Each structure stands twice: as C-alpha cells, then as structure tokens.
C-alpha cells in the first residue's frame, strides 16, 4: 500500500510529463509554516499542458492522491471483492 505523499508524487509526475519533483519540495509545499512556490513553478516548467496553471496541476494531483489505492478503502484497509462498489 502507498502513502498519500507517494500517491501525490506519482500523480504529479504523470501530470508533469514524467518529471518527478524532489520529495522535499512536495513536503515544503504542504508545510503551512513555509511560503514556498517551488512546486507550483516546477509544475509550470514541466507540464505538457501548456494552458494549465501550476496550481491546477497541484490540485489535480491532490484529487488523485486523495483516492485510496485500488483494492483498499479510504482508511487503508483491504477490500474484499464482495465489498467493492461499482
């Protein structure tokens, strides 16, 4: 099972054409005590979606990371095939 930060980085990397941000850059972005715009700038530099704003790339990656890993519920527990919802 993956953790949220790993899922975010995976989604962000996909949205940035395969270029992964440094983990510390991601952690700095979500640290409310810091005022870092490096992740937003990274998104602007690396996304193939030239009409997208950097914050939109981050928001999209957050939406993907918020979903549980396939086969797991939102609390991280395994789902049985009979418990899956269509």
Protein backbone atom coordinates (compact mmCIF):
# COMPACT_ATOMS: atom_id res chain seq x y z
CA UNK A 1 0.00 0.00 0.00
CA UNK A 2 1.24 3.50 -0.76
CA UNK A 3 1.00 6.55 1.43
CA UNK A 4 -0.59 9.85 0.39
CA UNK A 5 2.68 11.64 -0.41
CA UNK A 6 3.80 8.77 -2.66
CA UNK A 7 0.46 8.83 -4.49
CA UNK A 8 0.68 12.62 -4.87
CA UNK A 9 4.22 12.44 -6.29
CA UNK A 10 3.19 9.67 -8.69
CA UNK A 11 0.20 11.68 -9.98
CA UNK A 12 2.17 14.94 -10.11
CA UNK A 13 4.93 13.21 -12.06
CA UNK A 14 2.43 11.93 -14.61
CA UNK A 15 0.96 15.43 -14.99
CA UNK A 16 4.47 16.81 -15.45
CA UNK A 17 5.42 14.61 -18.36
CA UNK A 18 7.32 12.07 -16.27
CA UNK A 19 9.48 14.58 -14.39
CA UNK A 20 9.27 13.90 -10.65
CA UNK A 21 9.62 16.73 -8.14
CA UNK A 22 12.05 16.29 -5.25
CA UNK A 23 10.22 14.85 -2.23
CA UNK A 24 11.37 17.74 -0.04
CA UNK A 25 9.84 20.24 -2.50
CA UNK A 26 6.49 18.47 -2.08
CA UNK A 27 6.79 18.42 1.70
CA UNK A 28 7.69 22.12 1.71
CA UNK A 29 4.61 22.95 -0.39
CA UNK A 30 2.28 21.32 2.15
CA UNK A 31 4.09 22.80 5.18
CA UNK A 32 1.86 25.71 6.24
CA UNK A 33 4.75 27.37 8.04
CA UNK A 34 6.66 27.82 4.78
CA UNK A 35 5.73 30.10 1.91
CA UNK A 36 7.24 28.07 -0.92
CA UNK A 37 6.16 28.37 -4.55
CA UNK A 38 8.80 25.98 -5.91
CA UNK A 39 6.34 23.15 -6.57
CA UNK A 40 4.00 25.47 -8.47
CA UNK A 41 6.91 26.76 -10.56
CA UNK A 42 8.08 23.17 -11.16
CA UNK A 43 4.61 22.28 -12.46
CA UNK A 44 4.63 25.24 -14.86
CA UNK A 45 8.04 24.29 -16.19
CA UNK A 46 7.35 20.60 -16.72
CA UNK A 47 3.69 20.06 -17.57
CA UNK A 48 2.87 19.30 -21.20
CA UNK A 49 -0.48 21.02 -20.55
CA UNK A 50 0.69 24.48 -21.54
CA UNK A 51 -2.72 26.09 -20.90
CA UNK A 52 -2.81 24.79 -17.30
CA UNK A 53 -1.86 26.89 -14.31
CA UNK A 54 0.67 25.43 -11.89
CA UNK A 55 -1.87 25.34 -9.09
CA UNK A 56 -4.26 23.36 -11.31
CA UNK A 57 -1.61 20.65 -11.75
CA UNK A 58 -1.14 20.52 -7.97
CA UNK A 59 -4.91 20.40 -7.37
CA UNK A 60 -5.32 17.58 -9.91
CA UNK A 61 -2.53 15.57 -8.24
CA UNK A 62 -4.18 16.15 -4.84
CA UNK A 63 -7.50 14.84 -6.19
CA UNK A 64 -5.80 11.70 -7.47
CA UNK A 65 -3.77 11.19 -4.28
CA UNK A 66 -6.91 11.53 -2.16
CA UNK A 67 -8.28 8.35 -3.72
CA UNK A 68 -7.35 5.14 -1.93
CA UNK A 69 -5.08 2.68 -3.66
CA UNK A 70 -7.06 0.21 -5.77
CA UNK A 71 -8.29 -2.61 -3.57
CA UNK A 72 -8.13 -0.55 -0.35
CA UNK A 73 -10.72 1.52 1.43
CA UNK A 74 -10.19 5.14 2.49
CA UNK A 75 -8.72 4.01 5.82
CA UNK A 76 -6.13 1.82 4.12
CA UNK A 77 -7.82 -1.49 4.87
CA UNK A 78 -8.11 -4.15 2.18
CA UNK A 79 -11.45 -4.52 0.46
CA UNK A 80 -12.78 -7.97 -0.36
CA UNK A 81 -14.13 -8.41 -3.87
CA UNK A 82 -17.68 -8.73 -2.46
CA UNK A 83 -17.28 -5.35 -0.71
CA UNK A 84 -16.30 -3.39 -3.82
CA UNK A 85 -18.82 -0.92 -5.08
CA UNK A 86 -19.44 -0.33 -8.77
